C-alpha cells in the first residue's frame, strides 16, 4: 500500500492558492485601469461639436422630479362623458375634440375600460308592403351543373354551372 504524503499535498495546495490570489489581484488591477479609461473626462456639453455659427447645442432637459409630474389622465366626469357619447354612437374624432385628447388616447380608454357602443336597431319589415314569394323562393339554375367550381372565361368569377350563373354567358372549355 502506498502511503499519502499529506504534508506535501498541503504545501502544494497552499502554493496553488497563493498563485491564484496573485492572478486575481492582477485581474483586479486591469479592471480598475479599464474603468478609469472608459469613464468620460468632461461633461457631454464640452464633448459636443460646435455648430456652423460657433454655438453649441442646448443641453437635454432633465426629467421632472418624482411627485411633480402633471397628471395625464381624464377626470371621472370626463370618463362618464366619454362613455355615454361613445355608447350613443358619436364619432370618435368629435368626442376627442370635445375632451381635448387624441383619438389614440380615446381608444385606449375605450379598450381598457371595456366601453361598448349600443347596438343599432335593425329596421323591421315595412308596413303595407306585400311580400314577394317569387323573390324568396330559390331559383332553379339553368344549364349544366359542373363537377366543381370553375372560373368563368367572361366575367372571371367562380361558377358551378355552364352557362355562368353570374353573367349568363357560355363557358369556353377545352375539355369535353
N, C-alpha and C. Protein backbone atom coordinates (compact mmCIF):
# COMPACT_ATOMS: atom_id res chain seq x y z
N UNK A 1 0.82 -1.17 0.00
CA UNK A 1 0.00 0.00 0.00
C UNK A 1 0.87 1.24 0.00
N UNK A 2 0.38 2.20 -0.77
CA UNK A 2 1.13 3.46 -0.83
C UNK A 2 0.60 4.41 0.21
N UNK A 3 1.52 5.06 0.76
CA UNK A 3 1.16 5.99 1.81
C UNK A 3 1.05 7.39 1.22
N UNK A 4 -0.02 8.18 1.59
CA UNK A 4 -0.23 9.53 1.08
C UNK A 4 0.56 10.50 1.94
N UNK A 5 1.31 11.35 1.27
CA UNK A 5 2.09 12.35 1.98
C UNK A 5 1.22 13.59 2.14
N UNK A 6 0.54 13.69 3.26
CA UNK A 6 -0.42 14.77 3.50
C UNK A 6 0.27 16.12 3.61
N UNK A 7 1.43 16.15 4.14
CA UNK A 7 2.15 17.41 4.29
C UNK A 7 2.53 18.00 2.94
N UNK A 8 3.00 17.15 2.02
CA UNK A 8 3.38 17.62 0.68
C UNK A 8 2.14 18.12 -0.08
N UNK A 9 1.04 17.39 0.10
CA UNK A 9 -0.20 17.79 -0.57
C UNK A 9 -0.66 19.15 -0.06
N UNK A 10 -0.58 19.38 1.22
CA UNK A 10 -0.98 20.65 1.82
C UNK A 10 -0.10 21.79 1.34
N UNK A 11 1.19 21.58 1.22
CA UNK A 11 2.11 22.60 0.72
C UNK A 11 1.78 22.93 -0.74
N UNK A 12 1.49 21.92 -1.56
CA UNK A 12 1.13 22.14 -2.97
C UNK A 12 -0.15 22.95 -3.12
N UNK A 13 -1.16 22.64 -2.31
CA UNK A 13 -2.43 23.36 -2.39
C UNK A 13 -2.28 24.82 -1.94
N UNK A 14 -1.49 25.08 -0.90
CA UNK A 14 -1.30 26.47 -0.46
C UNK A 14 -0.52 27.26 -1.50
N UNK A 15 0.43 26.61 -2.19
CA UNK A 15 1.15 27.30 -3.27
C UNK A 15 0.19 27.65 -4.42
N UNK A 16 -0.69 26.73 -4.73
CA UNK A 16 -1.68 26.97 -5.78
C UNK A 16 -2.59 28.13 -5.40
N UNK A 17 -2.97 28.16 -4.15
CA UNK A 17 -3.88 29.21 -3.66
C UNK A 17 -3.21 30.59 -3.75
N UNK A 18 -1.97 30.69 -3.35
CA UNK A 18 -1.27 31.98 -3.41
C UNK A 18 -1.08 32.42 -4.87
N UNK A 19 -0.85 31.47 -5.78
CA UNK A 19 -0.70 31.81 -7.20
C UNK A 19 -2.02 32.36 -7.74
N UNK A 20 -3.13 31.76 -7.33
CA UNK A 20 -4.45 32.23 -7.78
C UNK A 20 -4.75 33.61 -7.21
N UNK A 21 -4.36 33.86 -5.96
CA UNK A 21 -4.61 35.17 -5.36
C UNK A 21 -3.82 36.25 -6.08
N UNK A 22 -2.59 35.94 -6.47
CA UNK A 22 -1.77 36.91 -7.21
C UNK A 22 -2.41 37.20 -8.57
N UNK A 23 -2.89 36.15 -9.23
CA UNK A 23 -3.53 36.33 -10.54
C UNK A 23 -4.81 37.16 -10.41
N UNK A 24 -5.61 36.92 -9.37
CA UNK A 24 -6.82 37.71 -9.14
C UNK A 24 -6.49 39.17 -8.87
N UNK A 25 -5.42 39.43 -8.15
CA UNK A 25 -5.00 40.81 -7.88
C UNK A 25 -4.62 41.49 -9.18
N UNK A 26 -3.93 40.77 -10.08
CA UNK A 26 -3.58 41.34 -11.39
C UNK A 26 -4.83 41.66 -12.20
N UNK A 27 -5.80 40.75 -12.20
CA UNK A 27 -7.05 40.98 -12.94
C UNK A 27 -7.79 42.18 -12.36
N UNK A 28 -7.84 42.33 -11.04
CA UNK A 28 -8.49 43.48 -10.42
C UNK A 28 -7.82 44.79 -10.82
N UNK A 29 -6.49 44.78 -10.91
CA UNK A 29 -5.76 45.98 -11.31
C UNK A 29 -6.09 46.36 -12.75
N UNK A 30 -6.21 45.38 -13.64
CA UNK A 30 -6.56 45.65 -15.04
C UNK A 30 -7.98 46.19 -15.14
N UNK A 31 -8.91 45.62 -14.39
CA UNK A 31 -10.30 46.10 -14.39
C UNK A 31 -10.35 47.55 -13.94
N UNK A 32 -9.61 47.88 -12.90
CA UNK A 32 -9.58 49.25 -12.38
C UNK A 32 -9.05 50.22 -13.44
N UNK A 33 -7.99 49.83 -14.16
CA UNK A 33 -7.41 50.68 -15.20
C UNK A 33 -8.39 50.88 -16.36
N UNK A 34 -9.09 49.83 -16.74
CA UNK A 34 -10.06 49.93 -17.84
C UNK A 34 -11.22 50.84 -17.44
N UNK A 35 -11.68 50.73 -16.22
CA UNK A 35 -12.78 51.60 -15.75
C UNK A 35 -12.36 53.07 -15.76
N UNK A 36 -11.13 53.34 -15.38
CA UNK A 36 -10.67 54.73 -15.38
C UNK A 36 -10.57 55.28 -16.80
N UNK A 37 -10.13 54.46 -17.73
CA UNK A 37 -10.01 54.93 -19.11
C UNK A 37 -11.36 55.09 -19.78
N UNK A 38 -12.34 54.27 -19.43
CA UNK A 38 -13.65 54.32 -20.10
C UNK A 38 -14.55 55.41 -19.54
N UNK A 39 -14.25 55.94 -18.37
CA UNK A 39 -15.07 56.99 -17.76
C UNK A 39 -14.90 58.29 -18.54
N UNK A 40 -15.99 59.04 -18.79
CA UNK A 40 -15.87 60.30 -19.52
C UNK A 40 -15.07 61.31 -18.70
N UNK A 41 -14.29 62.10 -19.40
CA UNK A 41 -13.43 63.09 -18.73
C UNK A 41 -14.18 64.37 -18.39
N UNK A 42 -15.11 64.78 -19.24
CA UNK A 42 -15.83 66.04 -19.01
C UNK A 42 -17.31 65.85 -19.20
N UNK A 43 -18.05 66.93 -19.25
CA UNK A 43 -19.49 66.85 -19.45
C UNK A 43 -19.79 66.62 -20.93
N UNK A 44 -20.98 66.24 -21.22
CA UNK A 44 -21.39 65.99 -22.60
C UNK A 44 -21.36 67.29 -23.40
N UNK A 45 -21.69 68.40 -22.76
CA UNK A 45 -21.70 69.69 -23.46
C UNK A 45 -20.31 70.05 -23.96
N UNK A 46 -19.26 69.67 -23.22
CA UNK A 46 -17.91 70.00 -23.66
C UNK A 46 -17.45 69.10 -24.80
N UNK A 47 -18.07 67.92 -24.93
CA UNK A 47 -17.69 66.99 -25.99
C UNK A 47 -18.38 67.34 -27.31
N UNK A 48 -19.56 67.97 -27.25
CA UNK A 48 -20.34 68.23 -28.46
C UNK A 48 -19.58 69.15 -29.40
N UNK A 49 -19.75 68.87 -30.66
CA UNK A 49 -19.11 69.67 -31.69
C UNK A 49 -19.89 70.97 -31.88
N UNK A 50 -19.22 72.10 -32.03
CA UNK A 50 -19.96 73.34 -32.23
C UNK A 50 -20.64 73.36 -33.59
N UNK A 51 -21.70 74.11 -33.69
CA UNK A 51 -22.42 74.25 -34.95
C UNK A 51 -21.66 75.18 -35.87
N UNK A 52 -22.21 75.39 -37.05
CA UNK A 52 -21.55 76.23 -38.05
C UNK A 52 -21.41 77.67 -37.56
N UNK A 53 -22.35 78.15 -36.77
CA UNK A 53 -22.28 79.53 -36.30
C UNK A 53 -21.46 79.66 -35.01
N UNK A 54 -20.86 78.57 -34.55
CA UNK A 54 -19.99 78.63 -33.38
C UNK A 54 -20.67 78.31 -32.06
N UNK A 55 -22.00 78.15 -32.04
CA UNK A 55 -22.70 77.85 -30.80
C UNK A 55 -22.80 76.35 -30.60
N UNK A 56 -22.96 75.94 -29.36
CA UNK A 56 -23.14 74.53 -29.06
C UNK A 56 -24.63 74.23 -28.90
N UNK A 57 -24.97 72.98 -29.02
CA UNK A 57 -26.37 72.59 -28.86
C UNK A 57 -26.80 72.78 -27.42
N UNK A 58 -28.10 72.97 -27.26
CA UNK A 58 -28.65 73.14 -25.92
C UNK A 58 -28.59 71.82 -25.18
N UNK A 59 -28.29 71.84 -23.89
CA UNK A 59 -28.28 70.58 -23.14
C UNK A 59 -29.69 70.00 -23.03
N UNK A 60 -29.74 68.69 -22.91
CA UNK A 60 -31.01 67.99 -22.80
C UNK A 60 -31.65 68.32 -21.45
N UNK A 61 -32.97 68.58 -21.48
CA UNK A 61 -33.67 68.92 -20.24
C UNK A 61 -33.72 67.71 -19.33
N UNK A 62 -33.58 67.95 -18.04
CA UNK A 62 -33.63 66.87 -17.07
C UNK A 62 -35.07 66.46 -16.83
N UNK A 63 -35.26 65.22 -16.43
CA UNK A 63 -36.60 64.72 -16.12
C UNK A 63 -37.11 65.41 -14.86
N UNK A 64 -38.44 65.56 -14.81
CA UNK A 64 -39.05 66.19 -13.64
C UNK A 64 -38.87 65.30 -12.43
N UNK A 65 -38.67 65.89 -11.26
CA UNK A 65 -38.51 65.07 -10.06
C UNK A 65 -39.79 64.29 -9.76
N UNK A 66 -39.63 63.20 -9.05
CA UNK A 66 -40.77 62.34 -8.72
C UNK A 66 -41.78 63.12 -7.89
N UNK A 67 -43.05 62.92 -8.22
CA UNK A 67 -44.12 63.58 -7.48
C UNK A 67 -44.48 64.94 -8.04
N UNK A 68 -43.75 65.43 -9.03
CA UNK A 68 -44.02 66.76 -9.57
C UNK A 68 -44.51 66.68 -11.01
N UNK A 69 -44.86 65.50 -11.49
CA UNK A 69 -45.30 65.37 -12.87
C UNK A 69 -46.77 65.74 -12.97
N UNK A 70 -47.15 66.20 -14.16
CA UNK A 70 -48.53 66.59 -14.41
C UNK A 70 -49.35 65.34 -14.67
N UNK A 71 -50.56 65.29 -14.16
CA UNK A 71 -51.43 64.13 -14.35
C UNK A 71 -51.92 64.10 -15.79
N UNK A 72 -51.79 62.94 -16.42
CA UNK A 72 -52.11 62.80 -17.82
C UNK A 72 -53.50 62.19 -18.06
N UNK A 73 -54.25 61.84 -17.02
CA UNK A 73 -55.49 61.12 -17.18
C UNK A 73 -56.70 62.03 -17.29
N UNK A 74 -57.86 61.40 -17.43
CA UNK A 74 -59.14 62.10 -17.50
C UNK A 74 -59.81 62.06 -16.14
N UNK A 75 -60.61 63.09 -15.87
CA UNK A 75 -61.35 63.11 -14.61
C UNK A 75 -62.53 62.14 -14.72
N UNK A 76 -63.18 61.90 -13.60
CA UNK A 76 -64.33 60.99 -13.59
C UNK A 76 -65.46 61.54 -14.46
N UNK A 77 -65.69 62.86 -14.42
CA UNK A 77 -66.75 63.46 -15.24
C UNK A 77 -66.45 63.28 -16.73
N UNK A 78 -65.19 63.44 -17.10
CA UNK A 78 -64.82 63.27 -18.49
C UNK A 78 -64.98 61.82 -18.93
N UNK A 79 -64.67 60.89 -18.03
CA UNK A 79 -64.85 59.47 -18.37
C UNK A 79 -66.32 59.12 -18.57
N UNK A 80 -67.19 59.70 -17.75
CA UNK A 80 -68.64 59.47 -17.90
C UNK A 80 -69.10 60.03 -19.24
N UNK A 81 -68.63 61.24 -19.57
CA UNK A 81 -68.99 61.85 -20.85
C UNK A 81 -68.52 60.98 -22.00
N UNK A 82 -67.28 60.51 -21.91
CA UNK A 82 -66.73 59.66 -22.96
C UNK A 82 -67.55 58.39 -23.12
N UNK A 83 -67.92 57.77 -22.00
CA UNK A 83 -68.67 56.51 -22.07
C UNK A 83 -70.04 56.71 -22.69
N UNK A 84 -70.76 57.75 -22.27
CA UNK A 84 -72.12 57.95 -22.79
C UNK A 84 -72.10 58.34 -24.26
N UNK A 85 -71.17 59.23 -24.64
CA UNK A 85 -71.13 59.64 -26.04
C UNK A 85 -70.66 58.51 -26.93
N UNK A 86 -69.71 57.71 -26.45
CA UNK A 86 -69.24 56.57 -27.25
C UNK A 86 -70.34 55.54 -27.42
N UNK A 87 -71.10 55.30 -26.35
CA UNK A 87 -72.20 54.33 -26.43
C UNK A 87 -73.30 54.82 -27.36
N UNK A 88 -73.53 56.14 -27.39
CA UNK A 88 -74.58 56.68 -28.25
C UNK A 88 -74.20 56.68 -29.72
N UNK A 89 -72.93 56.44 -30.03
CA UNK A 89 -72.52 56.35 -31.44
C UNK A 89 -71.91 57.63 -31.97
N UNK A 90 -71.55 58.56 -31.12
CA UNK A 90 -70.90 59.78 -31.56
C UNK A 90 -69.54 59.43 -32.16
N UNK A 91 -69.16 60.02 -33.30
CA UNK A 91 -67.87 59.71 -33.90
C UNK A 91 -66.71 60.01 -32.94
N UNK A 92 -65.69 59.19 -33.02
CA UNK A 92 -64.56 59.28 -32.08
C UNK A 92 -63.82 60.61 -32.20
N UNK A 93 -63.68 61.15 -33.41
CA UNK A 93 -62.94 62.40 -33.54
C UNK A 93 -63.69 63.56 -32.90
N UNK A 94 -65.03 63.52 -32.88
CA UNK A 94 -65.80 64.57 -32.22
C UNK A 94 -65.65 64.47 -30.69
N UNK A 95 -65.70 63.25 -30.18
CA UNK A 95 -65.53 63.06 -28.72
C UNK A 95 -64.13 63.53 -28.30
N UNK A 96 -63.13 63.15 -29.09
CA UNK A 96 -61.75 63.52 -28.75
C UNK A 96 -61.58 65.04 -28.78
N UNK A 97 -62.21 65.71 -29.73
CA UNK A 97 -62.11 67.16 -29.81
C UNK A 97 -62.79 67.82 -28.60
N UNK A 98 -63.93 67.30 -28.17
CA UNK A 98 -64.63 67.87 -27.02
C UNK A 98 -63.84 67.70 -25.73
N UNK A 99 -63.18 66.55 -25.57
CA UNK A 99 -62.43 66.27 -24.35
C UNK A 99 -60.98 66.76 -24.44
N UNK A 100 -60.59 67.26 -25.61
CA UNK A 100 -59.23 67.76 -25.85
C UNK A 100 -58.18 66.69 -25.60
N UNK A 101 -58.42 65.51 -26.20
CA UNK A 101 -57.47 64.40 -26.15
C UNK A 101 -57.30 63.86 -27.56
N UNK A 102 -56.33 63.00 -27.77
CA UNK A 102 -56.15 62.39 -29.08
C UNK A 102 -57.09 61.21 -29.25
N UNK A 103 -57.29 60.81 -30.51
CA UNK A 103 -58.13 59.65 -30.75
C UNK A 103 -57.48 58.38 -30.20
N UNK A 104 -56.16 58.33 -30.23
CA UNK A 104 -55.46 57.15 -29.69
C UNK A 104 -55.72 57.00 -28.20
N UNK A 105 -55.69 58.13 -27.46
CA UNK A 105 -55.97 58.08 -26.03
C UNK A 105 -57.43 57.70 -25.78
N UNK A 106 -58.31 58.21 -26.63
CA UNK A 106 -59.74 57.87 -26.51
C UNK A 106 -59.92 56.36 -26.67
N UNK A 107 -59.32 55.78 -27.70
CA UNK A 107 -59.47 54.34 -27.92
C UNK A 107 -58.77 53.54 -26.82
N UNK A 108 -57.71 54.09 -26.22
CA UNK A 108 -57.07 53.43 -25.09
C UNK A 108 -58.06 53.31 -23.93
N UNK A 109 -58.76 54.42 -23.60
CA UNK A 109 -59.73 54.37 -22.51
C UNK A 109 -60.89 53.45 -22.86
N UNK A 110 -61.34 53.47 -24.11
CA UNK A 110 -62.45 52.60 -24.53
C UNK A 110 -62.06 51.14 -24.33
N UNK A 111 -60.85 50.79 -24.73
CA UNK A 111 -60.43 49.39 -24.63
C UNK A 111 -60.18 48.97 -23.18
N UNK A 112 -59.47 49.81 -22.41
CA UNK A 112 -59.13 49.40 -21.05
C UNK A 112 -60.34 49.40 -20.13
N UNK A 113 -61.29 50.28 -20.37
CA UNK A 113 -62.47 50.35 -19.51
C UNK A 113 -63.60 49.44 -20.00
N UNK A 114 -63.46 48.91 -21.21
CA UNK A 114 -64.47 47.99 -21.74
C UNK A 114 -65.74 48.68 -22.21
N UNK A 115 -65.64 49.94 -22.68
CA UNK A 115 -66.81 50.64 -23.19
C UNK A 115 -67.25 50.00 -24.49
N UNK A 116 -68.56 49.92 -24.69
CA UNK A 116 -69.12 49.33 -25.91
C UNK A 116 -70.13 50.30 -26.51
N UNK A 117 -70.29 50.23 -27.81
CA UNK A 117 -71.32 51.01 -28.48
C UNK A 117 -72.63 50.24 -28.40
N UNK A 118 -73.74 50.99 -28.33
CA UNK A 118 -75.05 50.33 -28.30
C UNK A 118 -75.34 49.76 -29.67
N UNK A 119 -76.03 48.62 -29.67
CA UNK A 119 -76.39 48.00 -30.94
C UNK A 119 -77.47 48.84 -31.61
N UNK A 120 -77.31 49.03 -32.91
CA UNK A 120 -78.30 49.79 -33.65
C UNK A 120 -79.51 48.90 -33.89
N UNK A 121 -80.69 49.52 -33.81
CA UNK A 121 -81.92 48.78 -34.06
C UNK A 121 -82.05 48.54 -35.55
N UNK A 122 -82.22 47.28 -35.92
CA UNK A 122 -82.41 46.96 -37.33
C UNK A 122 -83.86 47.27 -37.70
N UNK A 123 -84.07 47.89 -38.83
CA UNK A 123 -85.43 48.22 -39.22
C UNK A 123 -86.23 46.94 -39.48
N UNK A 124 -87.46 46.92 -39.00
CA UNK A 124 -88.34 45.77 -39.19
C UNK A 124 -88.95 45.79 -40.59
N UNK A 125 -89.84 44.87 -40.85
CA UNK A 125 -90.47 44.84 -42.17
C UNK A 125 -91.34 46.08 -42.37
N UNK A 126 -91.34 46.56 -43.58
CA UNK A 126 -92.13 47.75 -43.89
C UNK A 126 -93.61 47.40 -43.85
N UNK A 127 -94.36 48.28 -43.23
CA UNK A 127 -95.81 48.05 -43.15
C UNK A 127 -96.44 48.43 -44.47
N UNK A 128 -97.38 47.64 -44.90
CA UNK A 128 -98.09 47.91 -46.15
C UNK A 128 -97.40 47.32 -47.35
N UNK A 129 -96.24 46.81 -47.24
CA UNK A 129 -95.55 46.23 -48.38
C UNK A 129 -95.91 44.75 -48.46
N UNK A 130 -96.25 44.31 -49.63
CA UNK A 130 -96.62 42.93 -49.84
C UNK A 130 -95.36 42.10 -50.04
N UNK A 131 -95.34 40.92 -49.43
CA UNK A 131 -94.21 40.04 -49.59
C UNK A 131 -94.22 39.44 -50.97
N UNK A 132 -93.07 39.33 -51.57
CA UNK A 132 -92.97 38.76 -52.91
C UNK A 132 -92.46 37.34 -52.77
N UNK A 133 -93.35 36.34 -52.93
CA UNK A 133 -92.92 34.97 -52.72
C UNK A 133 -91.93 34.49 -53.79
N UNK A 134 -91.98 35.03 -54.97
CA UNK A 134 -91.08 34.58 -56.03
C UNK A 134 -89.63 34.96 -55.70
N UNK A 135 -89.44 36.12 -55.06
CA UNK A 135 -88.10 36.54 -54.74
C UNK A 135 -87.52 35.72 -53.59
N UNK A 136 -88.38 35.24 -52.68
CA UNK A 136 -87.91 34.48 -51.54
C UNK A 136 -87.60 33.03 -51.90
N UNK A 137 -88.27 32.48 -52.89
CA UNK A 137 -88.08 31.09 -53.26
C UNK A 137 -86.76 30.92 -54.02
N UNK A 138 -86.06 29.80 -53.78
CA UNK A 138 -84.82 29.58 -54.52
C UNK A 138 -85.12 29.32 -55.99
N UNK A 139 -84.28 29.85 -56.84
CA UNK A 139 -84.49 29.68 -58.29
C UNK A 139 -83.70 28.48 -58.77
N UNK A 140 -84.24 27.82 -59.76
CA UNK A 140 -83.52 26.69 -60.35
C UNK A 140 -82.54 27.21 -61.37
N UNK A 141 -81.38 26.63 -61.36
CA UNK A 141 -80.34 27.07 -62.28
C UNK A 141 -80.60 26.47 -63.66
N UNK A 142 -80.34 27.28 -64.61
CA UNK A 142 -80.47 26.80 -65.99
C UNK A 142 -79.09 26.39 -66.46
N UNK A 143 -78.96 25.31 -67.11
CA UNK A 143 -77.68 24.89 -67.67
C UNK A 143 -77.15 23.64 -67.00
N UNK A 144 -75.96 23.28 -67.41
CA UNK A 144 -75.34 22.04 -66.98
C UNK A 144 -74.56 22.29 -65.69
N UNK A 145 -74.80 21.42 -64.68
CA UNK A 145 -74.05 21.53 -63.43
C UNK A 145 -72.71 20.84 -63.63
N UNK A 146 -71.64 21.56 -63.28
CA UNK A 146 -70.29 21.04 -63.46
C UNK A 146 -69.87 20.24 -62.23
N UNK A 147 -68.77 19.52 -62.33
CA UNK A 147 -68.29 18.67 -61.24
C UNK A 147 -67.77 19.49 -60.06
N UNK A 148 -67.34 20.71 -60.30
CA UNK A 148 -66.84 21.59 -59.25
C UNK A 148 -66.91 23.03 -59.72
N UNK A 149 -66.35 23.91 -58.95
CA UNK A 149 -66.36 25.32 -59.35
C UNK A 149 -65.23 25.59 -60.33
N UNK A 150 -65.55 26.36 -61.37
CA UNK A 150 -64.56 26.79 -62.35
C UNK A 150 -64.66 28.29 -62.51
N UNK A 151 -63.60 28.90 -63.05
CA UNK A 151 -63.60 30.34 -63.27
C UNK A 151 -64.20 30.62 -64.65
N UNK A 152 -65.14 31.56 -64.69
CA UNK A 152 -65.80 31.92 -65.93
C UNK A 152 -64.80 32.64 -66.82
N UNK A 153 -64.85 32.36 -68.13
CA UNK A 153 -63.91 32.99 -69.05
C UNK A 153 -64.34 34.41 -69.41
N UNK A 154 -65.59 34.77 -69.14
CA UNK A 154 -66.06 36.11 -69.48
C UNK A 154 -65.97 37.08 -68.31
N UNK A 155 -66.56 36.72 -67.15
CA UNK A 155 -66.62 37.64 -66.02
C UNK A 155 -65.54 37.38 -64.99
N UNK A 156 -64.80 36.28 -65.10
CA UNK A 156 -63.71 35.93 -64.21
C UNK A 156 -64.17 35.65 -62.77
N UNK A 157 -65.42 35.24 -62.58
CA UNK A 157 -65.94 34.85 -61.28
C UNK A 157 -66.10 33.33 -61.26
N UNK A 158 -66.22 32.75 -60.06
CA UNK A 158 -66.35 31.31 -59.94
C UNK A 158 -67.81 30.90 -60.15
N UNK A 159 -68.00 29.79 -60.84
CA UNK A 159 -69.35 29.30 -61.11
C UNK A 159 -69.35 27.77 -61.08
N UNK A 160 -70.56 27.21 -60.86
CA UNK A 160 -70.72 25.75 -60.88
C UNK A 160 -71.56 25.31 -62.08
N UNK A 161 -72.01 26.24 -62.88
CA UNK A 161 -72.91 25.94 -63.99
C UNK A 161 -72.35 26.46 -65.29
N UNK A 162 -72.75 25.81 -66.39
CA UNK A 162 -72.44 26.27 -67.74
C UNK A 162 -73.77 26.41 -68.46
N UNK A 163 -74.20 27.58 -68.78
CA UNK A 163 -73.63 28.92 -68.78
C UNK A 163 -73.44 29.46 -67.36
N UNK A 164 -72.58 30.50 -67.27
CA UNK A 164 -72.19 31.08 -65.99
C UNK A 164 -73.40 31.59 -65.23
N UNK A 165 -73.44 31.31 -63.90
CA UNK A 165 -74.57 31.78 -63.08
C UNK A 165 -74.47 33.26 -62.76
N UNK A 166 -73.28 33.89 -62.99
CA UNK A 166 -73.12 35.31 -62.71
C UNK A 166 -73.44 36.19 -63.91
N UNK A 167 -72.84 35.85 -65.08
CA UNK A 167 -73.04 36.70 -66.25
C UNK A 167 -73.96 36.07 -67.29
N UNK A 168 -74.21 34.76 -67.20
CA UNK A 168 -75.12 34.08 -68.12
C UNK A 168 -74.49 33.69 -69.44
N UNK A 169 -73.21 33.88 -69.62
CA UNK A 169 -72.56 33.54 -70.88
C UNK A 169 -72.02 32.13 -70.82
N UNK A 170 -71.97 31.48 -72.00
CA UNK A 170 -71.47 30.12 -72.10
C UNK A 170 -69.98 30.10 -71.86
N UNK A 171 -69.51 29.07 -71.14
CA UNK A 171 -68.10 28.94 -70.85
C UNK A 171 -67.35 28.42 -72.08
N UNK A 172 -66.15 28.92 -72.26
CA UNK A 172 -65.28 28.42 -73.33
C UNK A 172 -64.42 27.35 -72.72
N UNK A 173 -64.72 26.08 -73.00
CA UNK A 173 -63.99 24.98 -72.40
C UNK A 173 -63.21 24.23 -73.46
N UNK A 174 -62.06 23.67 -73.04
CA UNK A 174 -61.24 22.87 -73.93
C UNK A 174 -61.47 21.38 -73.72
N UNK A 175 -62.21 21.03 -72.68
CA UNK A 175 -62.45 19.62 -72.40
C UNK A 175 -63.85 19.25 -72.85
N UNK A 176 -64.12 17.96 -72.98
CA UNK A 176 -65.43 17.52 -73.45
C UNK A 176 -66.29 17.07 -72.30
